[in-house]
N, C-alpha and C. Protein backbone atom coordinates (compact mmCIF):
# COMPACT_ATOMS: atom_id res chain seq x y z
N MET A 1 5.74 27.12 14.96
CA MET A 1 5.90 26.08 13.96
C MET A 1 7.21 26.36 13.16
N ALA A 2 7.30 27.60 12.69
CA ALA A 2 8.42 27.97 11.85
C ALA A 2 9.70 27.85 12.66
N VAL A 3 9.64 28.23 13.96
CA VAL A 3 10.86 28.14 14.77
C VAL A 3 11.33 26.75 14.89
N TYR A 4 10.34 25.81 15.06
CA TYR A 4 10.62 24.40 15.19
C TYR A 4 11.31 23.88 13.96
N LEU A 5 10.78 24.25 12.80
CA LEU A 5 11.28 23.79 11.57
C LEU A 5 12.73 24.29 11.31
N LEU A 6 13.01 25.53 11.71
CA LEU A 6 14.38 26.08 11.60
C LEU A 6 15.27 25.30 12.58
N TRP A 7 14.80 25.03 13.84
CA TRP A 7 15.63 24.29 14.74
C TRP A 7 15.90 22.86 14.22
N LYS A 8 14.92 22.21 13.69
CA LYS A 8 15.09 20.81 13.12
C LYS A 8 16.04 20.89 11.96
N LYS A 9 15.98 21.85 11.16
CA LYS A 9 16.83 21.89 9.98
C LYS A 9 18.27 22.05 10.40
N LYS A 10 18.46 22.89 11.36
CA LYS A 10 19.82 23.21 11.86
C LYS A 10 20.46 22.01 12.46
N ASN A 11 19.62 21.22 13.25
CA ASN A 11 20.19 19.98 13.86
C ASN A 11 20.45 18.92 12.90
N VAL A 12 19.55 18.77 11.84
CA VAL A 12 19.84 17.80 10.80
C VAL A 12 21.03 18.18 10.04
N GLU A 13 21.29 19.46 9.72
CA GLU A 13 22.52 19.71 9.13
C GLU A 13 23.74 19.53 9.94
N ARG A 14 23.63 19.74 11.26
CA ARG A 14 24.75 19.42 12.24
C ARG A 14 25.07 17.97 12.20
N PHE A 15 23.96 17.14 12.25
CA PHE A 15 24.10 15.75 12.25
C PHE A 15 24.83 15.16 11.00
N ASP A 16 24.35 15.74 9.82
CA ASP A 16 24.91 15.36 8.58
C ASP A 16 26.40 15.70 8.55
N ASN A 17 26.79 16.85 9.06
CA ASN A 17 28.17 17.27 9.04
C ASN A 17 29.02 16.30 9.88
N VAL A 18 28.51 15.95 11.08
CA VAL A 18 29.23 15.01 11.92
C VAL A 18 29.34 13.69 11.23
N ARG A 19 28.34 13.18 10.57
CA ARG A 19 28.38 11.91 9.95
C ARG A 19 29.44 11.88 8.75
N ARG A 20 29.43 13.01 8.04
CA ARG A 20 30.47 13.14 6.95
C ARG A 20 31.82 13.11 7.43
N LYS A 21 32.03 13.90 8.60
CA LYS A 21 33.44 13.86 9.22
C LYS A 21 33.84 12.50 9.63
N GLU A 22 32.91 11.76 10.20
CA GLU A 22 33.22 10.43 10.68
C GLU A 22 33.60 9.52 9.49
N ASN A 23 32.76 9.61 8.41
CA ASN A 23 32.98 8.72 7.22
C ASN A 23 34.30 9.08 6.63
N THR A 24 34.67 10.42 6.62
CA THR A 24 35.92 10.81 6.00
C THR A 24 37.08 10.31 6.85
N ARG A 25 36.93 10.35 8.15
CA ARG A 25 38.00 9.85 9.05
C ARG A 25 38.16 8.36 8.82
N LYS A 26 37.10 7.62 8.77
CA LYS A 26 37.25 6.17 8.55
C LYS A 26 37.88 5.91 7.18
N PHE A 27 37.53 6.61 6.16
CA PHE A 27 38.14 6.45 4.85
C PHE A 27 39.67 6.73 4.89
N GLU A 28 40.01 7.80 5.61
CA GLU A 28 41.38 8.15 5.71
C GLU A 28 42.20 7.06 6.38
N ILE A 29 41.62 6.49 7.44
CA ILE A 29 42.26 5.41 8.17
C ILE A 29 42.46 4.20 7.29
N ARG A 30 41.45 3.84 6.54
CA ARG A 30 41.58 2.66 5.66
C ARG A 30 42.73 2.95 4.60
N CYS A 31 42.77 4.16 4.03
CA CYS A 31 43.75 4.47 2.99
C CYS A 31 45.12 4.43 3.66
N ALA A 32 45.26 4.94 4.88
CA ALA A 32 46.61 4.85 5.58
C ALA A 32 47.00 3.43 5.80
N LYS A 33 46.17 2.57 6.22
CA LYS A 33 46.45 1.19 6.46
C LYS A 33 46.88 0.50 5.18
N ARG A 34 46.19 0.76 4.09
CA ARG A 34 46.58 0.15 2.83
C ARG A 34 47.89 0.63 2.32
N ALA A 35 48.25 1.98 2.59
CA ALA A 35 49.44 2.47 2.21
C ALA A 35 50.66 1.88 2.90
N VAL A 36 50.45 1.58 4.15
CA VAL A 36 51.47 1.06 5.00
C VAL A 36 51.56 -0.47 4.82
N GLY A 37 50.51 -1.10 4.27
CA GLY A 37 50.57 -2.52 3.93
C GLY A 37 49.80 -3.27 5.00
N GLY A 38 49.16 -2.65 5.87
CA GLY A 38 48.31 -3.36 6.87
C GLY A 38 46.94 -3.48 6.41
N ASP A 39 46.69 -3.91 5.13
CA ASP A 39 45.30 -4.04 4.62
C ASP A 39 44.45 -4.94 5.54
N GLY A 40 45.02 -5.92 6.09
CA GLY A 40 44.30 -6.77 6.94
C GLY A 40 43.54 -7.97 6.19
N ASP A 41 43.42 -7.87 4.87
CA ASP A 41 42.76 -8.92 4.15
C ASP A 41 43.73 -10.10 3.96
N ASN A 42 43.25 -11.20 4.25
CA ASN A 42 44.07 -12.44 4.01
C ASN A 42 43.24 -13.39 3.14
N ASP A 43 43.82 -14.49 2.88
CA ASP A 43 43.15 -15.46 1.91
C ASP A 43 41.90 -15.99 2.56
N GLU A 44 41.80 -16.20 3.81
CA GLU A 44 40.54 -16.64 4.47
C GLU A 44 39.47 -15.65 4.34
N ASP A 45 39.75 -14.33 4.52
CA ASP A 45 38.65 -13.34 4.34
C ASP A 45 38.24 -13.31 2.88
N LYS A 46 39.16 -13.40 1.92
CA LYS A 46 38.83 -13.33 0.57
C LYS A 46 37.94 -14.59 0.19
N GLU A 47 38.37 -15.71 0.74
CA GLU A 47 37.55 -16.96 0.38
C GLU A 47 36.09 -16.84 0.99
N LYS A 48 36.04 -16.30 2.21
CA LYS A 48 34.66 -16.15 2.81
C LYS A 48 33.87 -15.14 1.98
N GLU A 49 34.48 -14.04 1.53
CA GLU A 49 33.73 -13.10 0.76
C GLU A 49 33.29 -13.69 -0.60
N GLU A 50 34.09 -14.50 -1.23
CA GLU A 50 33.82 -15.14 -2.43
C GLU A 50 32.63 -16.09 -2.27
N GLU A 51 32.73 -16.90 -1.23
CA GLU A 51 31.68 -17.84 -0.92
C GLU A 51 30.35 -17.14 -0.61
N ALA A 52 30.45 -16.07 0.12
CA ALA A 52 29.15 -15.35 0.39
C ALA A 52 28.62 -14.72 -0.93
N GLU A 53 29.48 -14.26 -1.82
CA GLU A 53 29.00 -13.74 -3.05
C GLU A 53 28.40 -14.85 -3.94
N ARG A 54 29.00 -16.05 -3.94
CA ARG A 54 28.40 -17.22 -4.67
C ARG A 54 27.06 -17.55 -4.15
N GLU A 55 26.91 -17.58 -2.77
CA GLU A 55 25.58 -17.89 -2.21
C GLU A 55 24.60 -16.84 -2.49
N ARG A 56 25.01 -15.56 -2.46
CA ARG A 56 24.09 -14.48 -2.91
C ARG A 56 23.57 -14.59 -4.30
N LEU A 57 24.49 -14.84 -5.20
CA LEU A 57 24.11 -15.01 -6.61
C LEU A 57 23.18 -16.21 -6.84
N GLU A 58 23.45 -17.29 -6.06
CA GLU A 58 22.65 -18.52 -6.18
C GLU A 58 21.26 -18.25 -5.66
N ALA A 59 21.17 -17.44 -4.57
CA ALA A 59 19.84 -17.08 -4.05
C ALA A 59 19.04 -16.29 -4.98
N ILE A 60 19.74 -15.33 -5.61
CA ILE A 60 19.14 -14.47 -6.63
C ILE A 60 18.53 -15.27 -7.77
N ARG A 61 19.37 -16.27 -8.26
CA ARG A 61 19.04 -17.11 -9.36
C ARG A 61 17.79 -17.90 -9.07
N GLU A 62 17.82 -18.51 -7.82
CA GLU A 62 16.66 -19.33 -7.37
C GLU A 62 15.39 -18.49 -7.26
N ALA A 63 15.54 -17.29 -6.78
CA ALA A 63 14.33 -16.37 -6.65
C ALA A 63 13.77 -16.02 -8.01
N GLU A 64 14.66 -15.76 -8.88
CA GLU A 64 14.26 -15.39 -10.25
C GLU A 64 13.56 -16.61 -10.94
N GLU A 65 14.06 -17.85 -10.74
CA GLU A 65 13.40 -19.02 -11.26
C GLU A 65 11.98 -19.20 -10.64
N ARG A 66 11.85 -18.99 -9.29
CA ARG A 66 10.57 -19.14 -8.67
C ARG A 66 9.66 -18.04 -9.18
N ARG A 67 10.14 -16.81 -9.43
CA ARG A 67 9.27 -15.70 -9.91
C ARG A 67 8.79 -16.13 -11.35
N LYS A 68 9.68 -16.61 -12.21
CA LYS A 68 9.34 -16.93 -13.53
C LYS A 68 8.25 -18.08 -13.58
N GLU A 69 8.43 -19.09 -12.74
CA GLU A 69 7.45 -20.17 -12.65
C GLU A 69 6.13 -19.72 -12.23
N LYS A 70 6.11 -18.82 -11.20
CA LYS A 70 4.84 -18.28 -10.76
C LYS A 70 4.13 -17.54 -11.85
N HIS A 71 4.83 -16.65 -12.60
CA HIS A 71 4.23 -15.90 -13.59
C HIS A 71 3.76 -16.77 -14.74
N ARG A 72 4.55 -17.87 -15.00
CA ARG A 72 4.13 -18.84 -16.09
C ARG A 72 2.80 -19.45 -15.75
N LYS A 73 2.66 -19.87 -14.46
CA LYS A 73 1.38 -20.48 -13.99
C LYS A 73 0.27 -19.49 -14.07
N MET A 74 0.50 -18.26 -13.60
CA MET A 74 -0.57 -17.26 -13.69
C MET A 74 -1.02 -16.99 -15.13
N GLU A 75 -0.09 -16.96 -16.06
CA GLU A 75 -0.44 -16.77 -17.49
C GLU A 75 -1.15 -17.88 -18.01
N GLU A 76 -0.87 -19.14 -17.62
CA GLU A 76 -1.65 -20.28 -18.03
C GLU A 76 -3.09 -20.22 -17.60
N GLU A 77 -3.24 -19.81 -16.30
CA GLU A 77 -4.61 -19.66 -15.77
C GLU A 77 -5.37 -18.59 -16.49
N ARG A 78 -4.70 -17.49 -16.78
CA ARG A 78 -5.37 -16.40 -17.62
C ARG A 78 -5.80 -16.82 -19.01
N GLU A 79 -4.89 -17.66 -19.58
CA GLU A 79 -5.19 -18.14 -20.89
C GLU A 79 -6.35 -19.07 -20.85
N LYS A 80 -6.45 -19.90 -19.91
CA LYS A 80 -7.58 -20.80 -19.67
C LYS A 80 -8.89 -20.07 -19.52
N MET A 81 -8.86 -18.94 -18.69
CA MET A 81 -10.00 -18.15 -18.53
C MET A 81 -10.39 -17.47 -19.88
N ARG A 82 -9.44 -16.97 -20.62
CA ARG A 82 -9.70 -16.35 -21.92
C ARG A 82 -10.39 -17.33 -22.81
N GLN A 83 -9.83 -18.57 -22.88
CA GLN A 83 -10.40 -19.61 -23.73
C GLN A 83 -11.84 -19.91 -23.37
N GLU A 84 -12.11 -19.97 -22.11
CA GLU A 84 -13.45 -20.24 -21.59
C GLU A 84 -14.40 -19.07 -22.05
N ILE A 85 -13.98 -17.89 -22.01
CA ILE A 85 -14.77 -16.73 -22.47
C ILE A 85 -14.99 -16.78 -23.91
N ARG A 86 -13.92 -17.12 -24.70
CA ARG A 86 -14.08 -17.30 -26.19
C ARG A 86 -15.12 -18.34 -26.50
N ASP A 87 -15.07 -19.46 -25.75
CA ASP A 87 -16.01 -20.57 -26.04
C ASP A 87 -17.48 -20.13 -25.70
N LYS A 88 -17.66 -19.33 -24.70
CA LYS A 88 -18.99 -18.85 -24.32
C LYS A 88 -19.51 -17.94 -25.42
N VAL A 89 -18.64 -17.06 -25.89
CA VAL A 89 -19.05 -16.09 -26.84
C VAL A 89 -19.36 -16.70 -28.23
N SER A 90 -18.60 -17.72 -28.57
CA SER A 90 -18.76 -18.35 -29.86
C SER A 90 -19.98 -19.10 -30.07
């Protein structure tokens, strides 16, 4: 069992090192492209990103409104039950 755990740890470390190297390489390539001026971003890409961000924010806002409405209804039901209990006790 201990041998397996050591083997697994060693392979996980190897995989992490490979992943770090790949991410570093990708980052270096992006930086080099930007330095040369080949950023690749144009107005259409920026517009698409802005539109996607607006849609994401709108979806978040709608989800928040639904959540608030749901909790408001639940609190109304709880208050109704509390009032019924108060009426029974009184």
